[in-house]
């Protein structure tokens, strides 16, 4: 579904954000993207979302080359993407129902489709009883679920989640990722950027680590480039890479191989960009899969009352917020790459 072919990205000031990156992400995969701040994760996402273009290489999404796409085609490409933001990006004066419905209005869905689809998606994320609430009446976890519902409502081919657990309590982080896992089990590709290594260790998914604009570890490839491992010389790195490669070969079976937890955590410890002085965190006792209880019959969900929504105002708020976050991410990447 997503293929990076020798992709490099250099900003106008000369800062190199990505260096000759080659990655394949298949349809139906769940992939964690990890790495320290300024490693190139934000640039990686912006290239997929067509916010930036590479200096060299090709980016293929759903069979289409994004490297030479025309600006007017970008909105149509993004209709296949559901994006979940760290800071929720909800419109304060709209209800939960209206926030989710807004995404369907933008792509031209009719009212009949909206009235059928929105309650179903709200039920899927456990918000069927909160559809008339405004964002300030919800908890942080509930607000993030609204953001996830909005990303899901147009039935995208991929969910791109940029630090979706960054503004929720640690206990709720597992719930959010569990919900993303349930969505993934239903066939949607999920790409999630995170700094929370306890989540990565608990949910056994593919992990791609980026450091200094280079992919230094990937648990789903048969051969790896010589990776960067904190505290190890290049000579010491090669045996470690060979050992990791032997443990994490892609399964030949149709279903992905479930890796032993001890080996998986050992690999994460070796490839972690976190300082060795940071205390290790044990995975919380959390049982995944409970989110299936929230799936509801759309006929049993009451429709909210008709309201007048100022969609132009809402769209302006979203565009302003997106420009501000993009500017912040670009500044972080340029500062780190320029050191």
Protein backbone atom coordinates (compact mmCIF):
# COMPACT_ATOMS: atom_id res chain seq x y z
CA UNK A 1 0.00 0.00 0.00
CA UNK A 2 2.86 2.39 0.84
CA UNK A 3 6.30 2.11 -0.71
CA UNK A 4 9.26 4.43 -0.23
CA UNK A 5 11.96 3.95 -2.87
CA UNK A 6 15.25 5.60 -1.93
CA UNK A 7 13.46 8.68 -0.63
CA UNK A 8 15.41 11.69 0.63
CA UNK A 9 14.06 14.99 1.94
CA UNK A 10 16.18 18.13 2.31
CA UNK A 11 14.71 21.42 3.56
CA UNK A 12 15.61 24.76 1.90
CA UNK A 13 18.10 25.60 4.68
CA UNK A 14 20.06 22.44 3.89
CA UNK A 15 18.77 20.37 6.82
CA UNK A 16 18.46 16.70 5.82
CA UNK A 17 15.31 15.14 7.27
CA UNK A 18 15.32 11.74 5.51
CA UNK A 19 18.22 9.98 3.83
CA UNK A 20 17.68 7.36 1.14
CA UNK A 21 14.76 5.65 2.94
CA UNK A 22 13.23 2.49 1.45
CA UNK A 23 10.18 0.98 3.20
CA UNK A 24 7.26 -1.23 2.18
CA UNK A 25 4.03 -1.21 4.22
CA UNK A 26 1.47 -3.73 3.02
CA UNK A 27 -2.30 -3.47 3.07
CA UNK A 28 -3.75 -4.53 6.42
CA UNK A 29 -0.56 -4.04 8.45
CA UNK A 30 -0.32 -2.28 11.82
CA UNK A 31 3.01 -0.44 12.05
CA UNK A 32 4.53 1.52 14.91
CA UNK A 33 6.95 4.29 13.85
CA UNK A 34 9.33 5.09 16.70
CA UNK A 35 12.37 7.30 17.17
CA UNK A 36 13.65 10.24 19.15
CA UNK A 37 12.33 13.77 18.66
CA UNK A 38 13.53 15.24 15.36
CA UNK A 39 14.49 11.84 13.95
CA UNK A 40 12.40 12.36 10.82
CA UNK A 41 9.10 10.78 11.84
CA UNK A 42 7.06 13.93 11.17
CA UNK A 43 8.65 14.39 7.76
CA UNK A 44 7.89 10.73 6.99
CA UNK A 45 4.18 11.31 7.71
CA UNK A 46 4.06 14.63 5.84
CA UNK A 47 5.44 12.96 2.72
CA UNK A 48 2.68 10.33 2.87
CA UNK A 49 0.02 13.01 3.41
CA UNK A 50 1.43 15.08 0.51
CA UNK A 51 2.28 18.03 2.75
CA UNK A 52 5.86 17.78 1.50
CA UNK A 53 7.56 16.40 -1.61
CA UNK A 54 10.83 14.44 -1.61
CA UNK A 55 14.04 15.75 -3.13
CA UNK A 56 14.67 12.34 -4.66
CA UNK A 57 13.10 8.91 -4.79
CA UNK A 58 9.52 7.75 -5.26
CA UNK A 59 6.61 7.40 -2.83
CA UNK A 60 3.88 5.02 -3.96
CA UNK A 61 0.51 5.09 -2.19
CA UNK A 62 -2.26 2.75 -3.29
CA UNK A 63 -0.60 2.40 -6.70
CA UNK A 64 -0.14 6.15 -7.22
CA UNK A 65 3.22 7.95 -7.27
CA UNK A 66 2.97 10.86 -4.83
CA UNK A 67 6.35 12.32 -5.77
CA UNK A 68 5.02 14.09 -8.88
CA UNK A 69 1.35 14.51 -7.98
CA UNK A 70 -0.34 17.80 -8.85
CA UNK A 71 -1.54 20.00 -6.00
CA UNK A 72 -5.18 19.85 -7.10
CA UNK A 73 -5.13 16.04 -6.81
CA UNK A 74 -4.00 16.02 -3.17
CA UNK A 75 -7.51 16.32 -1.62
CA UNK A 76 -8.64 13.25 -3.55
CA UNK A 77 -5.61 11.26 -2.39
CA UNK A 78 -6.29 12.27 1.22
CA UNK A 79 -9.83 10.92 1.05
CA UNK A 80 -8.23 7.49 1.33
CA UNK A 81 -6.48 8.54 4.57
CA UNK A 82 -7.92 8.97 8.04
CA UNK A 83 -5.70 11.19 10.20
CA UNK A 84 -5.71 11.20 14.01
CA UNK A 85 -3.90 14.09 15.70
CA UNK A 86 -2.27 14.30 19.11
CA UNK A 87 -4.21 17.45 20.03
CA UNK A 88 -7.59 16.06 18.87
CA UNK A 89 -8.40 18.99 16.49
CA UNK A 90 -12.10 19.05 17.42
CA UNK A 91 -14.34 22.01 16.66
CA UNK A 92 -15.45 23.37 20.03
CA UNK A 93 -18.87 24.72 19.06
CA UNK A 94 -19.93 21.45 17.40
CA UNK A 95 -21.33 18.34 19.07
CA UNK A 96 -19.68 14.92 18.77
CA UNK A 97 -22.15 14.03 16.03
CA UNK A 98 -21.42 17.24 14.11
CA UNK A 99 -17.63 16.89 14.45
CA UNK A 100 -17.80 13.44 12.89
CA UNK A 101 -20.41 14.44 10.30
CA UNK A 102 -18.23 17.39 9.28
CA UNK A 103 -15.70 15.02 7.70
CA UNK A 104 -18.45 13.52 5.54
CA UNK A 105 -19.82 16.91 4.49
CA UNK A 106 -16.34 17.94 3.32
CA UNK A 107 -16.23 15.05 0.82
CA UNK A 108 -19.77 15.73 -0.40
CA UNK A 109 -21.73 12.96 1.32
CA UNK A 110 -25.51 13.43 1.36
CA UNK A 111 -27.57 13.77 4.54
CA UNK A 112 -29.00 10.26 4.26
CA UNK A 113 -25.52 8.72 4.20
CA UNK A 114 -24.42 10.92 7.10
CA UNK A 115 -27.40 10.03 9.31
CA UNK A 116 -26.70 6.34 8.77
CA UNK A 117 -22.92 6.31 8.97
CA UNK A 118 -22.16 8.73 11.83
CA UNK A 119 -24.15 6.90 14.58
CA UNK A 120 -22.61 3.59 13.51
CA UNK A 121 -19.05 4.94 13.76
CA UNK A 122 -19.80 6.66 17.09
CA UNK A 123 -21.07 3.33 18.38
CA UNK A 124 -17.96 1.58 17.10
CA UNK A 125 -15.75 3.78 19.30
CA UNK A 126 -18.09 3.68 22.30
CA UNK A 127 -19.59 7.18 21.95
CA UNK A 128 -23.17 6.31 21.02
CA UNK A 129 -24.42 7.99 24.23
CA UNK A 130 -22.23 11.09 23.80
CA UNK A 131 -23.27 12.27 20.35
CA UNK A 132 -25.03 15.40 21.65
CA UNK A 133 -22.09 16.44 23.86
CA UNK A 134 -19.64 19.23 23.05
CA UNK A 135 -15.88 18.54 23.25
CA UNK A 136 -15.48 20.38 26.59
CA UNK A 137 -17.98 17.95 28.13
CA UNK A 138 -15.78 14.95 27.31
CA UNK A 139 -12.70 13.43 28.90
CA UNK A 140 -9.37 13.41 27.05
CA UNK A 141 -9.84 9.78 26.07
CA UNK A 142 -13.34 10.48 24.77
CA UNK A 143 -12.11 13.46 22.76
CA UNK A 144 -9.47 11.28 21.14
CA UNK A 145 -12.18 8.73 20.29
CA UNK A 146 -14.10 11.50 18.53
CA UNK A 147 -10.95 12.25 16.51
CA UNK A 148 -10.67 8.57 15.67
CA UNK A 149 -14.34 8.39 14.67
CA UNK A 150 -13.85 11.39 12.39
CA UNK A 151 -10.87 9.67 10.77
CA UNK A 152 -12.88 6.47 10.27
CA UNK A 153 -16.18 7.83 9.06
CA UNK A 154 -15.21 8.03 5.36
CA UNK A 155 -13.97 4.43 5.40
CA UNK A 156 -10.30 5.23 4.62
CA UNK A 157 -7.81 2.68 3.39
CA UNK A 158 -5.30 3.73 6.06
CA UNK A 159 -5.36 5.38 9.48
CA UNK A 160 -2.37 7.66 10.15
CA UNK A 161 -2.11 8.36 13.89
CA UNK A 162 0.45 10.98 14.94
CA UNK A 163 1.12 10.48 18.67
CA UNK A 164 -2.59 9.75 19.36
CA UNK A 165 -1.91 8.93 23.01
CA UNK A 166 0.25 11.98 23.73
CA UNK A 167 -2.51 13.97 25.43
CA UNK A 168 -4.35 11.23 27.32
CA UNK A 169 -3.64 9.52 30.65
CA UNK A 170 -1.29 6.52 30.51
CA UNK A 171 -4.09 4.11 31.35
CA UNK A 172 -6.14 5.42 28.43
CA UNK A 173 -3.22 5.00 26.04
CA UNK A 174 -3.72 1.24 26.03
CA UNK A 175 -7.42 1.70 25.34
CA UNK A 176 -6.74 3.93 22.32
CA UNK A 177 -4.21 1.50 20.82
CA UNK A 178 -6.55 -1.40 21.55
CA UNK A 179 -9.24 0.39 19.56
CA UNK A 180 -6.80 0.99 16.70
CA UNK A 181 -5.91 -2.72 16.83
CA UNK A 182 -9.58 -3.65 16.56
CA UNK A 183 -9.95 -1.35 13.55
CA UNK A 184 -6.87 -2.98 12.04
CA UNK A 185 -8.37 -6.45 12.57
CA UNK A 186 -11.31 -5.31 10.44
CA UNK A 187 -8.92 -4.72 7.52
CA UNK A 188 -7.79 -1.08 7.81
CA UNK A 189 -4.05 -0.37 7.61
CA UNK A 190 -2.78 1.53 10.66
CA UNK A 191 0.39 3.62 10.83
CA UNK A 192 1.07 5.04 14.31
CA UNK A 193 3.89 7.30 15.47
CA UNK A 194 4.61 7.03 19.19
CA UNK A 195 7.25 7.67 21.86
CA UNK A 196 5.64 5.25 24.32
CA UNK A 197 7.77 2.13 24.28
CA UNK A 198 5.58 0.32 26.80
CA UNK A 199 2.77 0.40 24.23
CA UNK A 200 5.08 -0.91 21.52
CA UNK A 201 6.21 -3.76 23.75
CA UNK A 202 2.68 -4.68 24.82
CA UNK A 203 1.06 -4.75 21.37
CA UNK A 204 3.09 -7.10 19.20
CA UNK A 205 3.08 -5.23 15.90
CA UNK A 206 5.64 -4.36 13.27
CA UNK A 207 8.08 -1.67 14.48
CA UNK A 208 10.07 0.72 12.29
CA UNK A 209 12.63 2.91 14.03
CA UNK A 210 13.97 6.08 12.43
CA UNK A 211 17.09 7.81 13.72
CA UNK A 212 18.73 10.82 12.06
CA UNK A 213 16.57 10.40 8.98
CA UNK A 214 17.63 6.76 8.47
CA UNK A 215 15.66 3.55 9.12
CA UNK A 216 17.82 1.81 11.72
CA UNK A 217 15.51 -1.09 12.60
CA UNK A 218 12.51 -2.87 11.10
CA UNK A 219 11.05 -5.99 12.67
CA UNK A 220 9.43 -7.09 9.41
CA UNK A 221 12.30 -7.28 6.93
CA UNK A 222 14.48 -10.25 6.02
CA UNK A 223 17.62 -8.16 5.67
CA UNK A 224 18.43 -4.91 7.40
CA UNK A 225 20.96 -2.17 6.75
CA UNK A 226 23.59 -1.95 9.46
CA UNK A 227 21.60 -0.17 12.19
CA UNK A 228 22.50 2.47 14.71
CA UNK A 229 22.48 1.04 18.26
CA UNK A 230 23.07 3.46 21.09
CA UNK A 231 26.33 2.77 22.91
CA UNK A 232 27.71 0.28 20.35
CA UNK A 233 30.47 0.72 17.77
CA UNK A 234 29.89 -0.21 14.10
CA UNK A 235 31.94 -3.39 14.64
CA UNK A 236 29.71 -4.43 17.54
CA UNK A 237 26.55 -3.53 15.63
CA UNK A 238 26.88 -6.16 12.88
CA UNK A 239 26.51 -9.28 15.11
CA UNK A 240 23.58 -7.69 16.91
CA UNK A 241 21.89 -6.91 13.60
CA UNK A 242 22.48 -10.46 12.39
CA UNK A 243 20.96 -11.88 15.57
CA UNK A 244 17.91 -9.60 15.29
CA UNK A 245 17.53 -10.55 11.64
CA UNK A 246 17.45 -14.27 12.50
CA UNK A 247 14.80 -13.70 15.17
CA UNK A 248 12.47 -11.47 13.17
CA UNK A 249 12.21 -12.91 9.71
CA UNK A 250 8.89 -12.37 8.03
CA UNK A 251 6.68 -15.46 8.19
CA UNK A 252 5.94 -17.33 4.98
CA UNK A 253 2.46 -18.12 6.25
CA UNK A 254 -0.56 -15.99 5.22
CA UNK A 255 -1.05 -14.78 8.79
CA UNK A 256 1.76 -12.77 10.46
CA UNK A 257 3.93 -14.72 12.87
CA UNK A 258 3.39 -13.97 16.58
CA UNK A 259 6.84 -13.39 18.07
CA UNK A 260 7.78 -14.54 21.58
CA UNK A 261 7.41 -11.63 23.97
CA UNK A 262 10.85 -12.05 25.53
CA UNK A 263 12.66 -11.94 22.18
CA UNK A 264 10.53 -9.05 20.98
CA UNK A 265 11.26 -6.95 24.04
CA UNK A 266 14.96 -7.78 23.79
CA UNK A 267 15.04 -6.41 20.24
CA UNK A 268 13.28 -3.22 21.33
CA UNK A 269 15.80 -2.72 24.11
CA UNK A 270 18.71 -3.07 21.66
CA UNK A 271 17.23 -0.72 19.07
CA UNK A 272 15.61 1.76 21.45
CA UNK A 273 16.64 5.40 20.97
CA UNK A 274 15.81 6.06 24.62
CA UNK A 275 18.77 6.80 26.89
CA UNK A 276 20.20 3.85 28.82
CA UNK A 277 19.67 5.83 32.03
CA UNK A 278 15.90 5.95 31.53
CA UNK A 279 14.18 3.43 33.82
CA UNK A 280 12.43 0.58 32.09
CA UNK A 281 8.65 0.49 32.31
CA UNK A 282 6.78 -2.76 32.60
CA UNK A 283 3.84 -3.26 30.27
CA UNK A 284 0.61 -2.55 32.09
CA UNK A 285 -1.79 -5.35 32.81
CA UNK A 286 -4.31 -4.62 30.08
CA UNK A 287 -6.55 -7.04 28.26
CA UNK A 288 -7.05 -6.07 24.58
CA UNK A 289 -10.14 -6.79 22.57
CA UNK A 290 -12.82 -5.37 24.84
CA UNK A 291 -13.64 -2.59 22.40
CA UNK A 292 -15.70 -5.03 20.33
CA UNK A 293 -18.43 -4.51 22.91
CA UNK A 294 -18.98 -1.04 21.49
CA UNK A 295 -20.10 -2.26 18.07
CA UNK A 296 -23.80 -1.44 17.82
CA UNK A 297 -26.68 -1.84 15.44
CA UNK A 298 -27.16 1.51 13.74
CA UNK A 299 -30.93 1.11 13.94
CA UNK A 300 -30.81 1.16 17.76
CA UNK A 301 -28.95 4.48 18.01
CA UNK A 302 -31.17 7.54 18.33
CA UNK A 303 -30.49 10.36 15.90
CA UNK A 304 -29.55 13.77 17.35
CA UNK A 305 -31.69 16.77 16.66
CA UNK A 306 -31.03 18.76 13.50
CA UNK A 307 -28.65 21.67 14.09
CA UNK A 308 -27.29 24.48 11.97
CA UNK A 309 -23.54 24.04 11.45
CA UNK A 310 -21.22 26.72 10.13
CA UNK A 311 -18.94 24.43 8.13
CA UNK A 312 -16.88 27.25 6.64
CA UNK A 313 -15.92 28.37 10.15
CA UNK A 314 -15.07 24.81 11.14
CA UNK A 315 -12.93 24.24 8.07
CA UNK A 316 -11.02 27.45 8.76
CA UNK A 317 -10.32 26.32 12.33
CA UNK A 318 -8.97 22.96 11.14
CA UNK A 319 -6.79 24.53 8.45
CA UNK A 320 -5.32 27.04 10.91
CA UNK A 321 -4.51 24.31 13.44
CA UNK A 322 -2.92 22.14 10.74
CA UNK A 323 -0.69 25.02 9.55
CA UNK A 324 0.47 25.73 13.10
CA UNK A 325 1.38 22.10 13.84
CA UNK A 326 3.11 21.69 10.47
CA UNK A 327 5.25 24.75 11.19
CA UNK A 328 6.20 23.37 14.63
CA UNK A 329 7.18 19.97 13.21
CA UNK A 330 9.25 21.58 10.44
CA UNK A 331 11.12 23.73 12.97
CA UNK A 332 11.89 20.67 15.16
CA UNK A 333 13.17 18.65 12.20
CA UNK A 334 15.32 21.52 10.91
CA UNK A 335 16.85 22.25 14.33
CA UNK A 336 17.77 18.61 14.96
CA UNK A 337 19.05 17.97 11.41
CA UNK A 338 21.12 21.17 11.52
CA UNK A 339 23.01 20.22 14.69
